[in-house]
């Protein structure tokens, strides 16, 4: 495991992750996202879109991280050091069983 991948060791309920270069190519992957080109392409398109939208009303300030969720999973996505990091985590249940 590379030092870059160790960043995901402490992510609770992580079932997979992707580390991509800034051109969208997969550098490292694991778990549910291992070698998942479809997920990588979707995440890359979301990052490109988010990078064009400023989070400040008067200055151009890019996002630091964002999340995308569905009923089962949360995808935590961030960009730093010319890389894109995405973790797939289990969604916490809001209902008590």
PDB file of N, CA and C in Angstrom:
ATOM      1  N   UNK A   1       0.840  -1.172   0.000  1.00  0.00           N
ATOM      2  CA  UNK A   1       0.000   0.000   0.000  1.00  0.00           C
ATOM      3  C   UNK A   1       0.892   1.245   0.000  1.00  0.00           C
ATOM      4  N   UNK A   2       0.545   2.213  -0.833  1.00  0.00           N
ATOM      5  CA  UNK A   2       1.345   3.419  -0.908  1.00  0.00           C
ATOM      6  C   UNK A   2       1.012   4.356   0.247  1.00  0.00           C
ATOM      7  N   UNK A   3       1.891   5.314   0.478  1.00  0.00           N
ATOM      8  CA  UNK A   3       1.653   6.305   1.530  1.00  0.00           C
ATOM      9  C   UNK A   3       0.404   7.117   1.226  1.00  0.00           C
ATOM     10  N   UNK A   4       0.131   7.378  -0.053  1.00  0.00           N
ATOM     11  CA  UNK A   4      -1.081   8.105  -0.418  1.00  0.00           C
ATOM     12  C   UNK A   4      -2.335   7.344  -0.025  1.00  0.00           C
ATOM     13  N   UNK A   5      -2.326   6.041  -0.200  1.00  0.00           N
ATOM     14  CA  UNK A   5      -3.496   5.228   0.113  1.00  0.00           C
ATOM     15  C   UNK A   5      -3.731   5.129   1.610  1.00  0.00           C
ATOM     16  N   UNK A   6      -2.709   5.304   2.422  1.00  0.00           N
ATOM     17  CA  UNK A   6      -2.859   5.204   3.874  1.00  0.00           C
ATOM     18  C   UNK A   6      -3.772   6.291   4.436  1.00  0.00           C
ATOM     19  N   UNK A   7      -3.989   7.349   3.676  1.00  0.00           N
ATOM     20  CA  UNK A   7      -4.876   8.416   4.121  1.00  0.00           C
ATOM     21  C   UNK A   7      -6.298   7.884   4.336  1.00  0.00           C
ATOM     22  N   UNK A   8      -6.654   6.782   3.685  1.00  0.00           N
ATOM     23  CA  UNK A   8      -7.993   6.216   3.807  1.00  0.00           C
ATOM     24  C   UNK A   8      -8.129   5.223   4.955  1.00  0.00           C
ATOM     25  N   UNK A   9      -7.045   4.892   5.631  1.00  0.00           N
ATOM     26  CA  UNK A   9      -7.090   3.921   6.729  1.00  0.00           C
ATOM     27  C   UNK A   9      -7.998   4.360   7.873  1.00  0.00           C
ATOM     28  N   UNK A  10      -8.090   5.659   8.117  1.00  0.00           N
ATOM     29  CA  UNK A  10      -8.871   6.159   9.245  1.00  0.00           C
ATOM     30  C   UNK A  10     -10.260   6.650   8.861  1.00  0.00           C
ATOM     31  N   UNK A  11     -10.681   6.397   7.632  1.00  0.00           N
ATOM     32  CA  UNK A  11     -12.017   6.808   7.207  1.00  0.00           C
ATOM     33  C   UNK A  11     -13.014   5.760   7.698  1.00  0.00           C
ATOM     34  N   UNK A  12     -13.943   6.171   8.589  1.00  0.00           N
ATOM     35  CA  UNK A  12     -14.883   5.187   9.129  1.00  0.00           C
ATOM     36  C   UNK A  12     -15.840   4.666   8.044  1.00  0.00           C
ATOM     37  N   UNK A  13     -16.164   3.401   8.107  1.00  0.00           N
ATOM     38  CA  UNK A  13     -17.105   2.747   7.201  1.00  0.00           C
ATOM     39  C   UNK A  13     -16.718   2.857   5.732  1.00  0.00           C
ATOM     40  N   UNK A  14     -15.435   3.002   5.442  1.00  0.00           N
ATOM     41  CA  UNK A  14     -14.959   3.108   4.065  1.00  0.00           C
ATOM     42  C   UNK A  14     -15.016   1.729   3.402  1.00  0.00           C
ATOM     43  N   UNK A  15     -15.691   1.668   2.247  1.00  0.00           N
ATOM     44  CA  UNK A  15     -15.783   0.396   1.525  1.00  0.00           C
ATOM     45  C   UNK A  15     -15.006   0.436   0.213  1.00  0.00           C
ATOM     46  N   UNK A  16     -14.427   1.595  -0.101  1.00  0.00           N
ATOM     47  CA  UNK A  16     -13.620   1.697  -1.307  1.00  0.00           C
ATOM     48  C   UNK A  16     -13.118   3.106  -1.503  1.00  0.00           C
ATOM     49  N   UNK A  17     -12.070   3.250  -2.298  1.00  0.00           N
ATOM     50  CA  UNK A  17     -11.550   4.583  -2.587  1.00  0.00           C
ATOM     51  C   UNK A  17     -10.843   4.619  -3.926  1.00  0.00           C
ATOM     52  N   UNK A  18     -10.705   5.830  -4.432  1.00  0.00           N
ATOM     53  CA  UNK A  18      -9.972   6.114  -5.662  1.00  0.00           C
ATOM     54  C   UNK A  18      -9.009   7.253  -5.410  1.00  0.00           C
ATOM     55  N   UNK A  19      -7.834   7.154  -5.976  1.00  0.00           N
ATOM     56  CA  UNK A  19      -6.910   8.276  -6.047  1.00  0.00           C
ATOM     57  C   UNK A  19      -6.625   8.463  -7.532  1.00  0.00           C
ATOM     58  N   UNK A  20      -6.930   9.661  -8.034  1.00  0.00           N
ATOM     59  CA  UNK A  20      -6.764   9.936  -9.458  1.00  0.00           C
ATOM     60  C   UNK A  20      -5.816  11.102  -9.659  1.00  0.00           C
ATOM     61  N   UNK A  21      -5.154  11.121 -10.788  1.00  0.00           N
ATOM     62  CA  UNK A  21      -4.335  12.277 -11.148  1.00  0.00           C
ATOM     63  C   UNK A  21      -5.269  13.385 -11.604  1.00  0.00           C
ATOM     64  N   UNK A  22      -4.733  14.586 -11.782  1.00  0.00           N
ATOM     65  CA  UNK A  22      -5.587  15.709 -12.167  1.00  0.00           C
ATOM     66  C   UNK A  22      -6.109  15.612 -13.596  1.00  0.00           C
ATOM     67  N   UNK A  23      -5.680  14.600 -14.354  1.00  0.00           N
ATOM     68  CA  UNK A  23      -6.263  14.380 -15.682  1.00  0.00           C
ATOM     69  C   UNK A  23      -7.332  13.282 -15.649  1.00  0.00           C
ATOM     70  N   UNK A  24      -7.640  12.753 -14.456  1.00  0.00           N
ATOM     71  CA  UNK A  24      -8.707  11.775 -14.293  1.00  0.00           C
ATOM     72  C   UNK A  24      -8.283  10.324 -14.369  1.00  0.00           C
ATOM     73  N   UNK A  25      -7.010  10.058 -14.579  1.00  0.00           N
ATOM     74  CA  UNK A  25      -6.574   8.657 -14.643  1.00  0.00           C
ATOM     75  C   UNK A  25      -6.398   8.107 -13.226  1.00  0.00           C
ATOM     76  N   UNK A  26      -6.753   6.840 -13.057  1.00  0.00           N
ATOM     77  CA  UNK A  26      -6.686   6.196 -11.744  1.00  0.00           C
ATOM     78  C   UNK A  26      -5.236   5.875 -11.411  1.00  0.00           C
ATOM     79  N   UNK A  27      -4.777   6.363 -10.263  1.00  0.00           N
ATOM     80  CA  UNK A  27      -3.436   6.046  -9.778  1.00  0.00           C
ATOM     81  C   UNK A  27      -3.475   4.887  -8.792  1.00  0.00           C
ATOM     82  N   UNK A  28      -4.527   4.859  -7.969  1.00  0.00           N
ATOM     83  CA  UNK A  28      -4.658   3.795  -6.978  1.00  0.00           C
ATOM     84  C   UNK A  28      -6.134   3.642  -6.650  1.00  0.00           C
ATOM     85  N   UNK A  29      -6.565   2.409  -6.428  1.00  0.00           N
ATOM     86  CA  UNK A  29      -7.958   2.162  -6.068  1.00  0.00           C
ATOM     87  C   UNK A  29      -8.037   0.919  -5.193  1.00  0.00           C
ATOM     88  N   UNK A  30      -9.160   0.811  -4.487  1.00  0.00           N
ATOM     89  CA  UNK A  30      -9.328  -0.316  -3.568  1.00  0.00           C
ATOM     90  C   UNK A  30     -10.814  -0.531  -3.297  1.00  0.00           C
ATOM     91  N   UNK A  31     -11.155  -1.743  -2.894  1.00  0.00           N
ATOM     92  CA  UNK A  31     -12.514  -2.060  -2.460  1.00  0.00           C
ATOM     93  C   UNK A  31     -13.539  -1.943  -3.576  1.00  0.00           C
ATOM     94  N   UNK A  32     -14.701  -1.390  -3.252  1.00  0.00           N
ATOM     95  CA  UNK A  32     -15.795  -1.258  -4.211  1.00  0.00           C
ATOM     96  C   UNK A  32     -15.423  -0.414  -5.432  1.00  0.00           C
ATOM     97  N   UNK A  33     -14.449   0.456  -5.298  1.00  0.00           N
ATOM     98  CA  UNK A  33     -14.064   1.335  -6.402  1.00  0.00           C
ATOM     99  C   UNK A  33     -12.817   0.854  -7.139  1.00  0.00           C
ATOM    100  N   UNK A  34     -12.328  -0.320  -6.807  1.00  0.00           N
ATOM    101  CA  UNK A  34     -11.105  -0.810  -7.439  1.00  0.00           C
ATOM    102  C   UNK A  34     -11.289  -0.955  -8.942  1.00  0.00           C
ATOM    103  N   UNK A  35     -10.424  -0.266  -9.682  1.00  0.00           N
ATOM    104  CA  UNK A  35     -10.431  -0.278 -11.146  1.00  0.00           C
ATOM    105  C   UNK A  35     -11.790   0.056 -11.752  1.00  0.00           C
ATOM    106  N   UNK A  36     -12.586   0.855 -11.048  1.00  0.00           N
ATOM    107  CA  UNK A  36     -13.926   1.210 -11.515  1.00  0.00           C
ATOM    108  C   UNK A  36     -13.832   2.466 -12.384  1.00  0.00           C
ATOM    109  N   UNK A  37     -13.636   2.262 -13.673  1.00  0.00           N
ATOM    110  CA  UNK A  37     -13.478   3.375 -14.620  1.00  0.00           C
ATOM    111  C   UNK A  37     -14.738   4.224 -14.715  1.00  0.00           C
ATOM    112  N   UNK A  38     -15.920   3.594 -14.631  1.00  0.00           N
ATOM    113  CA  UNK A  38     -17.171   4.355 -14.710  1.00  0.00           C
ATOM    114  C   UNK A  38     -17.289   5.337 -13.549  1.00  0.00           C
ATOM    115  N   UNK A  39     -17.017   4.861 -12.340  1.00  0.00           N
ATOM    116  CA  UNK A  39     -17.071   5.739 -11.167  1.00  0.00           C
ATOM    117  C   UNK A  39     -16.016   6.831 -11.280  1.00  0.00           C
ATOM    118  N   UNK A  40     -14.825   6.478 -11.724  1.00  0.00           N
ATOM    119  CA  UNK A  40     -13.751   7.464 -11.868  1.00  0.00           C
ATOM    120  C   UNK A  40     -14.140   8.551 -12.863  1.00  0.00           C
ATOM    121  N   UNK A  41     -14.742   8.172 -13.982  1.00  0.00           N
ATOM    122  CA  UNK A  41     -15.162   9.163 -14.975  1.00  0.00           C
ATOM    123  C   UNK A  41     -16.243  10.085 -14.429  1.00  0.00           C
ATOM    124  N   UNK A  42     -17.217   9.532 -13.705  1.00  0.00           N
ATOM    125  CA  UNK A  42     -18.271  10.358 -13.119  1.00  0.00           C
ATOM    126  C   UNK A  42     -17.707  11.323 -12.078  1.00  0.00           C
ATOM    127  N   UNK A  43     -16.848  10.827 -11.223  1.00  0.00           N
ATOM    128  CA  UNK A  43     -16.239  11.673 -10.193  1.00  0.00           C
ATOM    129  C   UNK A  43     -15.403  12.774 -10.840  1.00  0.00           C
ATOM    130  N   UNK A  44     -14.647  12.427 -11.858  1.00  0.00           N
ATOM    131  CA  UNK A  44     -13.818  13.409 -12.550  1.00  0.00           C
ATOM    132  C   UNK A  44     -14.684  14.509 -13.172  1.00  0.00           C
ATOM    133  N   UNK A  45     -15.799  14.145 -13.790  1.00  0.00           N
ATOM    134  CA  UNK A  45     -16.700  15.141 -14.373  1.00  0.00           C
ATOM    135  C   UNK A  45     -17.298  16.044 -13.299  1.00  0.00           C
ATOM    136  N   UNK A  46     -17.648  15.470 -12.141  1.00  0.00           N
ATOM    137  CA  UNK A  46     -18.174  16.289 -11.043  1.00  0.00           C
ATOM    138  C   UNK A  46     -17.125  17.273 -10.544  1.00  0.00           C
ATOM    139  N   UNK A  47     -15.881  16.821 -10.431  1.00  0.00           N
ATOM    140  CA  UNK A  47     -14.798  17.696  -9.968  1.00  0.00           C
ATOM    141  C   UNK A  47     -14.574  18.827 -10.962  1.00  0.00           C
ATOM    142  N   UNK A  48     -14.567  18.516 -12.251  1.00  0.00           N
ATOM    143  CA  UNK A  48     -14.398  19.566 -13.265  1.00  0.00           C
ATOM    144  C   UNK A  48     -15.514  20.598 -13.182  1.00  0.00           C
ATOM    145  N   UNK A  49     -16.735  20.129 -13.007  1.00  0.00           N
ATOM    146  CA  UNK A  49     -17.880  21.031 -12.881  1.00  0.00           C
ATOM    147  C   UNK A  49     -17.771  21.880 -11.618  1.00  0.00           C
ATOM    148  N   UNK A  50     -17.450  21.246 -10.498  1.00  0.00           N
ATOM    149  CA  UNK A  50     -17.336  21.973  -9.224  1.00  0.00           C
ATOM    150  C   UNK A  50     -16.211  22.997  -9.262  1.00  0.00           C
ATOM    151  N   UNK A  51     -15.142  22.710  -9.989  1.00  0.00           N
ATOM    152  CA  UNK A  51     -14.001  23.624 -10.063  1.00  0.00           C
ATOM    153  C   UNK A  51     -14.361  24.910 -10.800  1.00  0.00           C
ATOM    154  N   UNK A  52     -15.363  24.858 -11.669  1.00  0.00           N
ATOM    155  CA  UNK A  52     -15.783  26.056 -12.410  1.00  0.00           C
ATOM    156  C   UNK A  52     -16.689  26.966 -11.595  1.00  0.00           C
ATOM    157  N   UNK A  53     -17.283  26.440 -10.534  1.00  0.00           N
ATOM    158  CA  UNK A  53     -18.240  27.196  -9.727  1.00  0.00           C
ATOM    159  C   UNK A  53     -17.532  27.746  -8.496  1.00  0.00           C
ATOM    160  N   UNK A  54     -17.618  29.057  -8.306  1.00  0.00           N
ATOM    161  CA  UNK A  54     -16.991  29.673  -7.140  1.00  0.00           C
ATOM    162  C   UNK A  54     -17.878  29.497  -5.911  1.00  0.00           C
ATOM    163  N   UNK A  55     -17.265  29.228  -4.778  1.00  0.00           N
ATOM    164  CA  UNK A  55     -18.015  29.092  -3.532  1.00  0.00           C
ATOM    165  C   UNK A  55     -18.123  30.426  -2.789  1.00  0.00           C
ATOM    166  N   UNK A  56     -17.580  31.486  -3.364  1.00  0.00           N
ATOM    167  CA  UNK A  56     -17.624  32.828  -2.783  1.00  0.00           C
ATOM    168  C   UNK A  56     -18.333  33.749  -3.776  1.00  0.00           C
ATOM    169  N   UNK A  57     -19.184  34.660  -3.282  1.00  0.00           N
ATOM    170  CA  UNK A  57     -19.961  35.489  -4.210  1.00  0.00           C
ATOM    171  C   UNK A  57     -19.145  36.499  -5.032  1.00  0.00           C
ATOM    172  N   UNK A  58     -18.005  36.983  -4.524  1.00  0.00           N
ATOM    173  CA  UNK A  58     -17.263  38.003  -5.255  1.00  0.00           C
ATOM    174  C   UNK A  58     -15.872  37.576  -5.701  1.00  0.00           C
ATOM    175  N   UNK A  59     -15.277  36.605  -5.044  1.00  0.00           N
ATOM    176  CA  UNK A  59     -13.956  36.109  -5.417  1.00  0.00           C
ATOM    177  C   UNK A  59     -14.084  34.721  -6.004  1.00  0.00           C
ATOM    178  N   UNK A  60     -13.146  34.360  -6.878  1.00  0.00           N
ATOM    179  CA  UNK A  60     -13.152  32.978  -7.367  1.00  0.00           C
ATOM    180  C   UNK A  60     -12.424  32.104  -6.350  1.00  0.00           C
ATOM    181  N   UNK A  61     -13.192  31.329  -5.635  1.00  0.00           N
ATOM    182  CA  UNK A  61     -12.640  30.397  -4.653  1.00  0.00           C
ATOM    183  C   UNK A  61     -13.212  29.015  -4.960  1.00  0.00           C
ATOM    184  N   UNK A  62     -12.333  28.076  -5.215  1.00  0.00           N
ATOM    185  CA  UNK A  62     -12.758  26.723  -5.575  1.00  0.00           C
ATOM    186  C   UNK A  62     -13.138  25.919  -4.336  1.00  0.00           C
ATOM    187  N   UNK A  63     -13.821  24.825  -4.575  1.00  0.00           N
ATOM    188  CA  UNK A  63     -14.215  23.934  -3.482  1.00  0.00           C
ATOM    189  C   UNK A  63     -12.979  23.292  -2.849  1.00  0.00           C
ATOM    190  N   UNK A  64     -13.131  22.860  -1.607  1.00  0.00           N
ATOM    191  CA  UNK A  64     -12.092  22.071  -0.953  1.00  0.00           C
ATOM    192  C   UNK A  64     -12.486  20.601  -0.935  1.00  0.00           C
ATOM    193  N   UNK A  65     -13.759  20.355  -0.700  1.00  0.00           N
ATOM    194  CA  UNK A  65     -14.278  18.991  -0.727  1.00  0.00           C
ATOM    195  C   UNK A  65     -15.795  19.067  -0.867  1.00  0.00           C
ATOM    196  N   UNK A  66     -16.373  17.989  -1.356  1.00  0.00           N
ATOM    197  CA  UNK A  66     -17.825  17.897  -1.411  1.00  0.00           C
ATOM    198  C   UNK A  66     -18.236  16.443  -1.251  1.00  0.00           C
ATOM    199  N   UNK A  67     -19.511  16.243  -0.951  1.00  0.00           N
ATOM    200  CA  UNK A  67     -20.031  14.889  -0.781  1.00  0.00           C
ATOM    201  C   UNK A  67     -21.225  14.688  -1.704  1.00  0.00           C
ATOM    202  N   UNK A  68     -21.383  13.463  -2.123  1.00  0.00           N
ATOM    203  CA  UNK A  68     -22.528  13.040  -2.919  1.00  0.00           C
ATOM    204  C   UNK A  68     -23.077  11.814  -2.207  1.00  0.00           C
ATOM    205  N   UNK A  69     -24.380  11.768  -2.020  1.00  0.00           N
ATOM    206  CA  UNK A  69     -24.928  10.633  -1.277  1.00  0.00           C
ATOM    207  C   UNK A  69     -26.168  10.065  -1.955  1.00  0.00           C
ATOM    208  N   UNK A  70     -26.419   8.798  -1.655  1.00  0.00           N
ATOM    209  CA  UNK A  70     -27.661   8.144  -2.031  1.00  0.00           C
ATOM    210  C   UNK A  70     -28.168   7.428  -0.782  1.00  0.00           C
ATOM    211  N   UNK A  71     -29.097   6.512  -0.938  1.00  0.00           N
ATOM    212  CA  UNK A  71     -29.676   5.837   0.225  1.00  0.00           C
ATOM    213  C   UNK A  71     -28.684   4.967   0.987  1.00  0.00           C
ATOM    214  N   UNK A  72     -27.673   4.448   0.293  1.00  0.00           N
ATOM    215  CA  UNK A  72     -26.762   3.502   0.930  1.00  0.00           C
ATOM    216  C   UNK A  72     -25.362   4.044   1.183  1.00  0.00           C
ATOM    217  N   UNK A  73     -24.874   4.948   0.323  1.00  0.00           N
ATOM    218  CA  UNK A  73     -23.473   5.352   0.394  1.00  0.00           C
ATOM    219  C   UNK A  73     -23.296   6.862   0.314  1.00  0.00           C
ATOM    220  N   UNK A  74     -22.167   7.302   0.859  1.00  0.00           N
ATOM    221  CA  UNK A  74     -21.727   8.691   0.752  1.00  0.00           C
ATOM    222  C   UNK A  74     -20.374   8.665   0.064  1.00  0.00           C
ATOM    223  N   UNK A  75     -20.208   9.504  -0.941  1.00  0.00           N
ATOM    224  CA  UNK A  75     -18.934   9.633  -1.641  1.00  0.00           C
ATOM    225  C   UNK A  75     -18.322  10.960  -1.213  1.00  0.00           C
ATOM    226  N   UNK A  76     -17.196  10.910  -0.541  1.00  0.00           N
ATOM    227  CA  UNK A  76     -16.494  12.102  -0.088  1.00  0.00           C
ATOM    228  C   UNK A  76     -15.362  12.368  -1.082  1.00  0.00           C
ATOM    229  N   UNK A  77     -15.377  13.549  -1.689  1.00  0.00           N
ATOM    230  CA  UNK A  77     -14.455  13.846  -2.779  1.00  0.00           C
ATOM    231  C   UNK A  77     -13.694  15.123  -2.457  1.00  0.00           C
ATOM    232  N   UNK A  78     -12.386  15.093  -2.644  1.00  0.00           N
ATOM    233  CA  UNK A  78     -11.573  16.291  -2.435  1.00  0.00           C
ATOM    234  C   UNK A  78     -10.452  16.308  -3.470  1.00  0.00           C
ATOM    235  N   UNK A  79      -9.849  17.468  -3.592  1.00  0.00           N
ATOM    236  CA  UNK A  79      -8.769  17.643  -4.554  1.00  0.00           C
ATOM    237  C   UNK A  79      -7.634  18.388  -3.866  1.00  0.00           C
ATOM    238  N   UNK A  80      -6.414  17.864  -3.996  1.00  0.00           N
ATOM    239  CA  UNK A  80      -5.235  18.499  -3.413  1.00  0.00           C
ATOM    240  C   UNK A  80      -3.990  17.955  -4.096  1.00  0.00           C
ATOM    241  N   UNK A  81      -2.971  18.784  -4.208  1.00  0.00           N
ATOM    242  CA  UNK A  81      -1.672  18.365  -4.757  1.00  0.00           C
ATOM    243  C   UNK A  81      -1.786  17.679  -6.118  1.00  0.00           C
ATOM    244  N   UNK A  82      -2.624  18.223  -6.975  1.00  0.00           N
ATOM    245  CA  UNK A  82      -2.822  17.698  -8.332  1.00  0.00           C
ATOM    246  C   UNK A  82      -3.368  16.280  -8.349  1.00  0.00           C
ATOM    247  N   UNK A  83      -4.128  15.930  -7.309  1.00  0.00           N
ATOM    248  CA  UNK A  83      -4.770  14.624  -7.240  1.00  0.00           C
ATOM    249  C   UNK A  83      -6.213  14.791  -6.794  1.00  0.00           C
ATOM    250  N   UNK A  84      -7.020  13.811  -7.143  1.00  0.00           N
ATOM    251  CA  UNK A  84      -8.418  13.766  -6.717  1.00  0.00           C
ATOM    252  C   UNK A  84      -8.564  12.534  -5.827  1.00  0.00           C
ATOM    253  N   UNK A  85      -9.139  12.732  -4.661  1.00  0.00           N
ATOM    254  CA  UNK A  85      -9.335  11.658  -3.693  1.00  0.00           C
ATOM    255  C   UNK A  85     -10.831  11.438  -3.522  1.00  0.00           C
ATOM    256  N   UNK A  86     -11.268  10.197  -3.605  1.00  0.00           N
ATOM    257  CA  UNK A  86     -12.683   9.881  -3.414  1.00  0.00           C
ATOM    258  C   UNK A  86     -12.799   8.642  -2.535  1.00  0.00           C
ATOM    259  N   UNK A  87     -13.612   8.758  -1.493  1.00  0.00           N
ATOM    260  CA  UNK A  87     -13.866   7.633  -0.594  1.00  0.00           C
ATOM    261  C   UNK A  87     -15.341   7.286  -0.650  1.00  0.00           C
ATOM    262  N   UNK A  88     -15.632   6.011  -0.717  1.00  0.00           N
ATOM    263  CA  UNK A  88     -17.009   5.531  -0.680  1.00  0.00           C
ATOM    264  C   UNK A  88     -17.256   4.971   0.711  1.00  0.00           C
ATOM    265  N   UNK A  89     -18.239   5.577   1.403  1.00  0.00           N
ATOM    266  CA  UNK A  89     -18.544   5.162   2.775  1.00  0.00           C
ATOM    267  C   UNK A  89     -19.985   4.696   2.877  1.00  0.00           C
ATOM    268  N   UNK A  90     -20.233   3.795   3.811  1.00  0.00           N
ATOM    269  CA  UNK A  90     -21.617   3.383   4.082  1.00  0.00           C
ATOM    270  C   UNK A  90     -22.371   4.558   4.688  1.00  0.00           C
ATOM    271  N   UNK A  91     -23.601   4.741   4.247  1.00  0.00           N
ATOM    272  CA  UNK A  91     -24.476   5.792   4.781  1.00  0.00           C
ATOM    273  C   UNK A  91     -24.923   5.380   6.179  1.00  0.00           C
ATOM    274  N   UNK A  92     -24.835   6.303   7.116  1.00  0.00           N
ATOM    275  CA  UNK A  92     -25.338   6.015   8.454  1.00  0.00           C
ATOM    276  C   UNK A  92     -26.850   5.989   8.414  1.00  0.00           C
ATOM    277  N   UNK A  93     -27.432   5.020   9.056  1.00  0.00           N
ATOM    278  CA  UNK A  93     -28.884   4.903   9.061  1.00  0.00           C
ATOM    279  C   UNK A  93     -29.474   5.888  10.055  1.00  0.00           C
ATOM    280  N   UNK A  94     -30.478   6.633   9.618  1.00  0.00           N
ATOM    281  CA  UNK A  94     -31.130   7.584  10.515  1.00  0.00           C
ATOM    282  C   UNK A  94     -32.270   6.922  11.290  1.00  0.00           C
ATOM    283  N   UNK A  95     -32.654   5.731  10.869  1.00  0.00           N
ATOM    284  CA  UNK A  95     -33.719   4.999  11.553  1.00  0.00           C
ATOM    285  C   UNK A  95     -33.118   4.062  12.584  1.00  0.00           C
ATOM    286  N   UNK A  96     -33.788   3.970  13.698  1.00  0.00           N
ATOM    287  CA  UNK A  96     -33.352   3.051  14.744  1.00  0.00           C
ATOM    288  C   UNK A  96     -34.059   1.716  14.522  1.00  0.00           C
ATOM    289  N   UNK A  97     -33.283   0.645  14.440  1.00  0.00           N
ATOM    290  CA  UNK A  97     -33.866  -0.683  14.147  1.00  0.00           C
ATOM    291  C   UNK A  97     -34.505  -1.282  15.366  1.00  0.00           C
TER     292      UNK A  97
END
